Amino acid sequence: MTAYTETRRGFTARPHKDQIKLAMSFYRLTNAELALRAKVAPSTIGNILGTKRDTCNPETAAKIAQALGMGTERLFTLEQIDYAN
């Protein structure tokens, strides 16, 4: 598995929304509280967990996973971007 601790140009992270929501429920975190811990905008969390976004950048994925105390690969799948399509 690839750790997402550095810039990953040409890659995107696909969230496992149910796993993120389960972790948030376990820690009793709201979207806003997770955003504060992850140092991202609350709308970013809402967009990732809602229907607006199916992916995010790997750096954001790493911040969210770290804020939840979990490995990034447990909460996100790293995918290479196919710019040809």
PDB file of N, CA and C in Angstrom:
ATOM      1  N   MET A   1       0.832  -1.194   0.000  1.00  0.00           N
ATOM      2  CA  MET A   1       0.000   0.000   0.000  1.00  0.00           C
ATOM      3  C   MET A   1       0.867   1.246   0.000  1.00  0.00           C
ATOM      4  N   THR A   2       0.350   2.282  -0.600  1.00  0.00           N
ATOM      5  CA  THR A   2       1.069   3.541  -0.690  1.00  0.00           C
ATOM      6  C   THR A   2       0.615   4.470   0.426  1.00  0.00           C
ATOM      7  N   ALA A   3       1.563   5.023   1.143  1.00  0.00           N
ATOM      8  CA  ALA A   3       1.234   6.036   2.145  1.00  0.00           C
ATOM      9  C   ALA A   3       1.120   7.372   1.431  1.00  0.00           C
ATOM     10  N   TYR A   4       0.231   8.205   1.893  1.00  0.00           N
ATOM     11  CA  TYR A   4      -0.001   9.466   1.205  1.00  0.00           C
ATOM     12  C   TYR A   4       0.540  10.620   2.039  1.00  0.00           C
ATOM     13  N   THR A   5       1.783  10.631   2.320  1.00  0.00           N
ATOM     14  CA  THR A   5       2.337  11.685   3.158  1.00  0.00           C
ATOM     15  C   THR A   5       2.970  12.802   2.357  1.00  0.00           C
ATOM     16  N   GLU A   6       3.103  12.632   1.075  1.00  0.00           N
ATOM     17  CA  GLU A   6       3.703  13.667   0.249  1.00  0.00           C
ATOM     18  C   GLU A   6       2.817  13.934  -0.952  1.00  0.00           C
ATOM     19  N   THR A   7       3.146  14.961  -1.697  1.00  0.00           N
ATOM     20  CA  THR A   7       2.364  15.313  -2.873  1.00  0.00           C
ATOM     21  C   THR A   7       2.355  14.149  -3.852  1.00  0.00           C
ATOM     22  N   ARG A   8       1.202  13.815  -4.348  1.00  0.00           N
ATOM     23  CA  ARG A   8       1.039  12.702  -5.279  1.00  0.00           C
ATOM     24  C   ARG A   8       0.426  13.237  -6.562  1.00  0.00           C
ATOM     25  N   ARG A   9       1.215  13.904  -7.386  1.00  0.00           N
ATOM     26  CA  ARG A   9       0.711  14.420  -8.652  1.00  0.00           C
ATOM     27  C   ARG A   9       0.254  13.261  -9.523  1.00  0.00           C
ATOM     28  N   GLY A  10      -0.881  13.463 -10.183  1.00  0.00           N
ATOM     29  CA  GLY A  10      -1.400  12.427 -11.058  1.00  0.00           C
ATOM     30  C   GLY A  10      -2.229  11.378 -10.336  1.00  0.00           C
ATOM     31  N   PHE A  11      -2.503  11.604  -9.044  1.00  0.00           N
ATOM     32  CA  PHE A  11      -3.307  10.662  -8.275  1.00  0.00           C
ATOM     33  C   PHE A  11      -4.477  11.381  -7.623  1.00  0.00           C
ATOM     34  N   THR A  12      -5.494  10.632  -7.305  1.00  0.00           N
ATOM     35  CA  THR A  12      -6.638  11.129  -6.558  1.00  0.00           C
ATOM     36  C   THR A  12      -6.982  10.098  -5.497  1.00  0.00           C
ATOM     37  N   ALA A  13      -7.701  10.508  -4.477  1.00  0.00           N
ATOM     38  CA  ALA A  13      -8.082   9.610  -3.392  1.00  0.00           C
ATOM     39  C   ALA A  13      -9.599   9.451  -3.387  1.00  0.00           C
ATOM     40  N   ARG A  14     -10.051   8.210  -3.445  1.00  0.00           N
ATOM     41  CA  ARG A  14     -11.481   7.911  -3.420  1.00  0.00           C
ATOM     42  C   ARG A  14     -11.857   7.499  -1.987  1.00  0.00           C
ATOM     43  N   PRO A  15     -12.734   8.260  -1.330  1.00  0.00           N
ATOM     44  CA  PRO A  15     -13.065   7.962   0.070  1.00  0.00           C
ATOM     45  C   PRO A  15     -13.976   6.741   0.224  1.00  0.00           C
ATOM     46  N   HIS A  16     -13.736   6.024   1.298  1.00  0.00           N
ATOM     47  CA  HIS A  16     -14.651   4.964   1.737  1.00  0.00           C
ATOM     48  C   HIS A  16     -15.585   5.649   2.740  1.00  0.00           C
ATOM     49  N   LYS A  17     -16.637   6.244   2.215  1.00  0.00           N
ATOM     50  CA  LYS A  17     -17.497   7.128   3.002  1.00  0.00           C
ATOM     51  C   LYS A  17     -18.066   6.456   4.244  1.00  0.00           C
ATOM     52  N   ASP A  18     -18.489   5.206   4.112  1.00  0.00           N
ATOM     53  CA  ASP A  18     -19.054   4.504   5.270  1.00  0.00           C
ATOM     54  C   ASP A  18     -18.022   4.313   6.372  1.00  0.00           C
ATOM     55  N   GLN A  19     -16.773   4.038   5.994  1.00  0.00           N
ATOM     56  CA  GLN A  19     -15.710   3.861   6.993  1.00  0.00           C
ATOM     57  C   GLN A  19     -15.398   5.176   7.707  1.00  0.00           C
ATOM     58  N   ILE A  20     -15.388   6.266   6.946  1.00  0.00           N
ATOM     59  CA  ILE A  20     -15.131   7.576   7.550  1.00  0.00           C
ATOM     60  C   ILE A  20     -16.269   7.938   8.507  1.00  0.00           C
ATOM     61  N   LYS A  21     -17.493   7.725   8.066  1.00  0.00           N
ATOM     62  CA  LYS A  21     -18.649   8.024   8.920  1.00  0.00           C
ATOM     63  C   LYS A  21     -18.654   7.162  10.171  1.00  0.00           C
ATOM     64  N   LEU A  22     -18.253   5.900  10.049  1.00  0.00           N
ATOM     65  CA  LEU A  22     -18.177   5.004  11.207  1.00  0.00           C
ATOM     66  C   LEU A  22     -17.138   5.510  12.205  1.00  0.00           C
ATOM     67  N   ALA A  23     -15.980   5.912  11.710  1.00  0.00           N
ATOM     68  CA  ALA A  23     -14.938   6.448  12.588  1.00  0.00           C
ATOM     69  C   ALA A  23     -15.405   7.738  13.254  1.00  0.00           C
ATOM     70  N   MET A  24     -16.072   8.587  12.497  1.00  0.00           N
ATOM     71  CA  MET A  24     -16.601   9.821  13.077  1.00  0.00           C
ATOM     72  C   MET A  24     -17.625   9.517  14.164  1.00  0.00           C
ATOM     73  N   SER A  25     -18.463   8.533  13.932  1.00  0.00           N
ATOM     74  CA  SER A  25     -19.462   8.135  14.913  1.00  0.00           C
ATOM     75  C   SER A  25     -18.793   7.590  16.177  1.00  0.00           C
ATOM     76  N   PHE A  26     -17.759   6.781  15.988  1.00  0.00           N
ATOM     77  CA  PHE A  26     -17.036   6.207  17.125  1.00  0.00           C
ATOM     78  C   PHE A  26     -16.455   7.305  18.014  1.00  0.00           C
ATOM     79  N   TYR A  27     -15.871   8.323  17.381  1.00  0.00           N
ATOM     80  CA  TYR A  27     -15.277   9.435  18.135  1.00  0.00           C
ATOM     81  C   TYR A  27     -16.271  10.552  18.422  1.00  0.00           C
ATOM     82  N   ARG A  28     -17.515  10.367  17.966  1.00  0.00           N
ATOM     83  CA  ARG A  28     -18.586  11.345  18.172  1.00  0.00           C
ATOM     84  C   ARG A  28     -18.208  12.725  17.629  1.00  0.00           C
ATOM     85  N   LEU A  29     -17.718  12.717  16.385  1.00  0.00           N
ATOM     86  CA  LEU A  29     -17.303  13.952  15.732  1.00  0.00           C
ATOM     87  C   LEU A  29     -18.329  14.398  14.708  1.00  0.00           C
ATOM     88  N   THR A  30     -18.574  15.682  14.666  1.00  0.00           N
ATOM     89  CA  THR A  30     -19.377  16.264  13.599  1.00  0.00           C
ATOM     90  C   THR A  30     -18.459  16.572  12.418  1.00  0.00           C
ATOM     91  N   ASN A  31     -19.047  16.916  11.295  1.00  0.00           N
ATOM     92  CA  ASN A  31     -18.249  17.338  10.143  1.00  0.00           C
ATOM     93  C   ASN A  31     -17.349  18.507  10.511  1.00  0.00           C
ATOM     94  N   ALA A  32     -17.894  19.470  11.238  1.00  0.00           N
ATOM     95  CA  ALA A  32     -17.126  20.662  11.614  1.00  0.00           C
ATOM     96  C   ALA A  32     -15.971  20.306  12.543  1.00  0.00           C
ATOM     97  N   GLU A  33     -16.207  19.405  13.487  1.00  0.00           N
ATOM     98  CA  GLU A  33     -15.139  18.999  14.410  1.00  0.00           C
ATOM     99  C   GLU A  33     -14.030  18.244  13.686  1.00  0.00           C
ATOM    100  N   LEU A  34     -14.409  17.362  12.756  1.00  0.00           N
ATOM    101  CA  LEU A  34     -13.400  16.650  11.980  1.00  0.00           C
ATOM    102  C   LEU A  34     -12.610  17.632  11.117  1.00  0.00           C
ATOM    103  N   ALA A  35     -13.300  18.579  10.527  1.00  0.00           N
ATOM    104  CA  ALA A  35     -12.626  19.586   9.701  1.00  0.00           C
ATOM    105  C   ALA A  35     -11.611  20.368  10.526  1.00  0.00           C
ATOM    106  N   LEU A  36     -11.973  20.736  11.732  1.00  0.00           N
ATOM    107  CA  LEU A  36     -11.063  21.477  12.604  1.00  0.00           C
ATOM    108  C   LEU A  36      -9.831  20.632  12.929  1.00  0.00           C
ATOM    109  N   ARG A  37     -10.037  19.371  13.268  1.00  0.00           N
ATOM    110  CA  ARG A  37      -8.914  18.477  13.570  1.00  0.00           C
ATOM    111  C   ARG A  37      -8.016  18.248  12.355  1.00  0.00           C
ATOM    112  N   ALA A  38      -8.640  18.141  11.181  1.00  0.00           N
ATOM    113  CA  ALA A  38      -7.894  17.847   9.953  1.00  0.00           C
ATOM    114  C   ALA A  38      -7.323  19.112   9.306  1.00  0.00           C
ATOM    115  N   LYS A  39      -7.722  20.264   9.822  1.00  0.00           N
ATOM    116  CA  LYS A  39      -7.284  21.552   9.258  1.00  0.00           C
ATOM    117  C   LYS A  39      -7.688  21.693   7.792  1.00  0.00           C
ATOM    118  N   VAL A  40      -8.958  21.366   7.541  1.00  0.00           N
ATOM    119  CA  VAL A  40      -9.569  21.576   6.229  1.00  0.00           C
ATOM    120  C   VAL A  40     -10.887  22.308   6.448  1.00  0.00           C
ATOM    121  N   ALA A  41     -11.460  22.822   5.392  1.00  0.00           N
ATOM    122  CA  ALA A  41     -12.730  23.540   5.503  1.00  0.00           C
ATOM    123  C   ALA A  41     -13.863  22.555   5.821  1.00  0.00           C
ATOM    124  N   PRO A  42     -14.826  22.977   6.645  1.00  0.00           N
ATOM    125  CA  PRO A  42     -15.971  22.102   6.927  1.00  0.00           C
ATOM    126  C   PRO A  42     -16.695  21.668   5.654  1.00  0.00           C
ATOM    127  N   SER A  43     -16.741  22.539   4.659  1.00  0.00           N
ATOM    128  CA  SER A  43     -17.403  22.174   3.405  1.00  0.00           C
ATOM    129  C   SER A  43     -16.669  21.034   2.697  1.00  0.00           C
ATOM    130  N   THR A  44     -15.368  20.941   2.905  1.00  0.00           N
ATOM    131  CA  THR A  44     -14.599  19.841   2.315  1.00  0.00           C
ATOM    132  C   THR A  44     -15.086  18.510   2.855  1.00  0.00           C
ATOM    133  N   ILE A  45     -15.274  18.433   4.159  1.00  0.00           N
ATOM    134  CA  ILE A  45     -15.770  17.190   4.778  1.00  0.00           C
ATOM    135  C   ILE A  45     -17.169  16.892   4.261  1.00  0.00           C
ATOM    136  N   GLY A  46     -18.030  17.898   4.258  1.00  0.00           N
ATOM    137  CA  GLY A  46     -19.392  17.708   3.774  1.00  0.00           C
ATOM    138  C   GLY A  46     -19.440  17.246   2.329  1.00  0.00           C
ATOM    139  N   ASN A  47     -18.611  17.840   1.498  1.00  0.00           N
ATOM    140  CA  ASN A  47     -18.578  17.461   0.082  1.00  0.00           C
ATOM    141  C   ASN A  47     -18.073  16.033  -0.113  1.00  0.00           C
ATOM    142  N   ILE A  48     -17.055  15.654   0.639  1.00  0.00           N
ATOM    143  CA  ILE A  48     -16.494  14.302   0.516  1.00  0.00           C
ATOM    144  C   ILE A  48     -17.490  13.251   1.002  1.00  0.00           C
ATOM    145  N   LEU A  49     -18.165  13.538   2.092  1.00  0.00           N
ATOM    146  CA  LEU A  49     -19.097  12.554   2.649  1.00  0.00           C
ATOM    147  C   LEU A  49     -20.463  12.581   1.983  1.00  0.00           C
ATOM    148  N   GLY A  50     -20.772  13.658   1.323  1.00  0.00           N
ATOM    149  CA  GLY A  50     -22.057  13.775   0.637  1.00  0.00           C
ATOM    150  C   GLY A  50     -21.973  13.258  -0.783  1.00  0.00           C
ATOM    151  N   THR A  51     -22.778  13.849  -1.633  1.00  0.00           N
ATOM    152  CA  THR A  51     -22.831  13.398  -3.028  1.00  0.00           C
ATOM    153  C   THR A  51     -22.088  14.321  -3.985  1.00  0.00           C
ATOM    154  N   LYS A  52     -21.550  15.422  -3.479  1.00  0.00           N
ATOM    155  CA  LYS A  52     -20.889  16.396  -4.352  1.00  0.00           C
ATOM    156  C   LYS A  52     -19.553  15.931  -4.901  1.00  0.00           C
ATOM    157  N   ARG A  53     -18.797  15.194  -4.111  1.00  0.00           N
ATOM    158  CA  ARG A  53     -17.447  14.792  -4.520  1.00  0.00           C
ATOM    159  C   ARG A  53     -17.273  13.287  -4.359  1.00  0.00           C
ATOM    160  N   ASP A  54     -16.694  12.675  -5.377  1.00  0.00           N
ATOM    161  CA  ASP A  54     -16.363  11.255  -5.287  1.00  0.00           C
ATOM    162  C   ASP A  54     -14.893  11.038  -4.977  1.00  0.00           C
ATOM    163  N   THR A  55     -14.093  12.112  -5.096  1.00  0.00           N
ATOM    164  CA  THR A  55     -12.668  12.015  -4.833  1.00  0.00           C
ATOM    165  C   THR A  55     -12.181  13.283  -4.150  1.00  0.00           C
ATOM    166  N   CYS A  56     -10.961  13.213  -3.639  1.00  0.00           N
ATOM    167  CA  CYS A  56     -10.285  14.385  -3.102  1.00  0.00           C
ATOM    168  C   CYS A  56      -8.794  14.226  -3.373  1.00  0.00           C
ATOM    169  N   ASN A  57      -8.029  15.248  -3.078  1.00  0.00           N
ATOM    170  CA  ASN A  57      -6.602  15.092  -3.319  1.00  0.00           C
ATOM    171  C   ASN A  57      -5.988  14.259  -2.187  1.00  0.00           C
ATOM    172  N   PRO A  58      -4.902  13.567  -2.464  1.00  0.00           N
ATOM    173  CA  PRO A  58      -4.288  12.686  -1.468  1.00  0.00           C
ATOM    174  C   PRO A  58      -3.851  13.406  -0.195  1.00  0.00           C
ATOM    175  N   GLU A  59      -3.454  14.657  -0.300  1.00  0.00           N
ATOM    176  CA  GLU A  59      -3.049  15.401   0.887  1.00  0.00           C
ATOM    177  C   GLU A  59      -4.230  15.602   1.833  1.00  0.00           C
ATOM    178  N   THR A  60      -5.389  15.916   1.275  1.00  0.00           N
ATOM    179  CA  THR A  60      -6.599  16.064   2.091  1.00  0.00           C
ATOM    180  C   THR A  60      -6.968  14.726   2.724  1.00  0.00           C
ATOM    181  N   ALA A  61      -6.864  13.656   1.964  1.00  0.00           N
ATOM    182  CA  ALA A  61      -7.149  12.321   2.496  1.00  0.00           C
ATOM    183  C   ALA A  61      -6.251  12.008   3.680  1.00  0.00           C
ATOM    184  N   ALA A  62      -4.975  12.326   3.572  1.00  0.00           N
ATOM    185  CA  ALA A  62      -4.026  12.059   4.656  1.00  0.00           C
ATOM    186  C   ALA A  62      -4.367  12.869   5.901  1.00  0.00           C
ATOM    187  N   LYS A  63      -4.775  14.123   5.714  1.00  0.00           N
ATOM    188  CA  LYS A  63      -5.156  14.967   6.850  1.00  0.00           C
ATOM    189  C   LYS A  63      -6.371  14.402   7.576  1.00  0.00           C
ATOM    190  N   ILE A  64      -7.361  13.951   6.807  1.00  0.00           N
ATOM    191  CA  ILE A  64      -8.580  13.402   7.405  1.00  0.00           C
ATOM    192  C   ILE A  64      -8.266  12.115   8.157  1.00  0.00           C
ATOM    193  N   ALA A  65      -7.498  11.241   7.540  1.00  0.00           N
ATOM    194  CA  ALA A  65      -7.141   9.976   8.189  1.00  0.00           C
ATOM    195  C   ALA A  65      -6.353  10.222   9.465  1.00  0.00           C
ATOM    196  N   GLN A  66      -5.401  11.133   9.415  1.00  0.00           N
ATOM    197  CA  GLN A  66      -4.600  11.432  10.596  1.00  0.00           C
ATOM    198  C   GLN A  66      -5.480  11.994  11.713  1.00  0.00           C
ATOM    199  N   ALA A  67      -6.427  12.849  11.352  1.00  0.00           N
ATOM    200  CA  ALA A  67      -7.330  13.429  12.346  1.00  0.00           C
ATOM    201  C   ALA A  67      -8.188  12.358  13.023  1.00  0.00           C
ATOM    202  N   LEU A  68      -8.434  11.258  12.308  1.00  0.00           N
ATOM    203  CA  LEU A  68      -9.215  10.152  12.859  1.00  0.00           C
ATOM    204  C   LEU A  68      -8.329   9.069  13.470  1.00  0.00           C
ATOM    205  N   GLY A  69      -7.012   9.271  13.424  1.00  0.00           N
ATOM    206  CA  GLY A  69      -6.084   8.315  14.013  1.00  0.00           C
ATOM    207  C   GLY A  69      -6.025   6.995  13.270  1.00  0.00           C
ATOM    208  N   MET A  70      -6.237   7.040  11.971  1.00  0.00           N
ATOM    209  CA  MET A  70      -6.261   5.822  11.168  1.00  0.00           C
ATOM    210  C   MET A  70      -5.306   5.962   9.991  1.00  0.00           C
ATOM    211  N   GLY A  71      -4.926   4.835   9.422  1.00  0.00           N
ATOM    212  CA  GLY A  71      -4.121   4.846   8.212  1.00  0.00           C
ATOM    213  C   GLY A  71      -4.957   5.313   7.037  1.00  0.00           C
ATOM    214  N   THR A  72      -4.351   6.105   6.185  1.00  0.00           N
ATOM    215  CA  THR A  72      -5.070   6.651   5.036  1.00  0.00           C
ATOM    216  C   THR A  72      -5.664   5.558   4.174  1.00  0.00           C
ATOM    217  N   GLU A  73      -4.900   4.471   3.971  1.00  0.00           N
ATOM    218  CA  GLU A  73      -5.371   3.397   3.091  1.00  0.00           C
ATOM    219  C   GLU A  73      -6.595   2.663   3.642  1.00  0.00           C
ATOM    220  N   ARG A  74      -6.911   2.848   4.918  1.00  0.00           N
ATOM    221  CA  ARG A  74      -8.134   2.253   5.480  1.00  0.00           C
ATOM    222  C   ARG A  74      -9.370   3.069   5.124  1.00  0.00           C
ATOM    223  N   LEU A  75      -9.159   4.356   4.851  1.00  0.00           N
ATOM    224  CA  LEU A  75     -10.287   5.255   4.606  1.00  0.00           C
ATOM    225  C   LEU A  75     -10.395   5.739   3.166  1.00  0.00           C
ATOM    226  N   PHE A  76      -9.329   5.556   2.386  1.00  0.00           N
ATOM    227  CA  PHE A  76      -9.294   6.054   1.017  1.00  0.00           C
ATOM    228  C   PHE A  76      -8.560   5.063   0.123  1.00  0.00           C
ATOM    229  N   THR A  77      -8.921   5.066  -1.148  1.00  0.00           N
ATOM    230  CA  THR A  77      -8.206   4.303  -2.158  1.00  0.00           C
ATOM    231  C   THR A  77      -7.502   5.291  -3.076  1.00  0.00           C
ATOM    232  N   LEU A  78      -6.205   5.126  -3.228  1.00  0.00           N
ATOM    233  CA  LEU A  78      -5.432   5.990  -4.112  1.00  0.00           C
ATOM    234  C   LEU A  78      -5.553   5.476  -5.532  1.00  0.00           C
ATOM    235  N   GLU A  79      -5.940   6.363  -6.460  1.00  0.00           N
ATOM    236  CA  GLU A  79      -6.128   5.985  -7.857  1.00  0.00           C
ATOM    237  C   GLU A  79      -5.348   6.925  -8.754  1.00  0.00           C
ATOM    238  N   GLN A  80      -4.762   6.367  -9.795  1.00  0.00           N
ATOM    239  CA  GLN A  80      -4.059   7.192 -10.758  1.00  0.00           C
ATOM    240  C   GLN A  80      -5.072   7.869 -11.666  1.00  0.00           C
ATOM    241  N   ILE A  81      -4.825   9.131 -11.968  1.00  0.00           N
ATOM    242  CA  ILE A  81      -5.713   9.905 -12.826  1.00  0.00           C
ATOM    243  C   ILE A  81      -5.371   9.606 -14.282  1.00  0.00           C
ATOM    244  N   ASP A  82      -6.380   9.293 -15.065  1.00  0.00           N
ATOM    245  CA  ASP A  82      -6.202   9.044 -16.486  1.00  0.00           C
ATOM    246  C   ASP A  82      -6.611  10.307 -17.234  1.00  0.00           C
ATOM    247  N   TYR A  83      -5.638  11.107 -17.609  1.00  0.00           N
ATOM    248  CA  TYR A  83      -5.918  12.386 -18.257  1.00  0.00           C
ATOM    249  C   TYR A  83      -6.350  12.227 -19.721  1.00  0.00           C
ATOM    250  N   ALA A  84      -6.191  11.035 -20.271  1.00  0.00           N
ATOM    251  CA  ALA A  84      -6.525  10.804 -21.690  1.00  0.00           C
ATOM    252  C   ALA A  84      -8.027  10.767 -21.926  1.00  0.00           C
ATOM    253  N   ASN A  85      -8.806  10.460 -20.908  1.00  0.00           N
ATOM    254  CA  ASN A  85     -10.263  10.342 -21.087  1.00  0.00           C
ATOM    255  C   ASN A  85     -10.986  11.587 -20.656  1.00  0.00           C
TER     256      ASN A  85
END
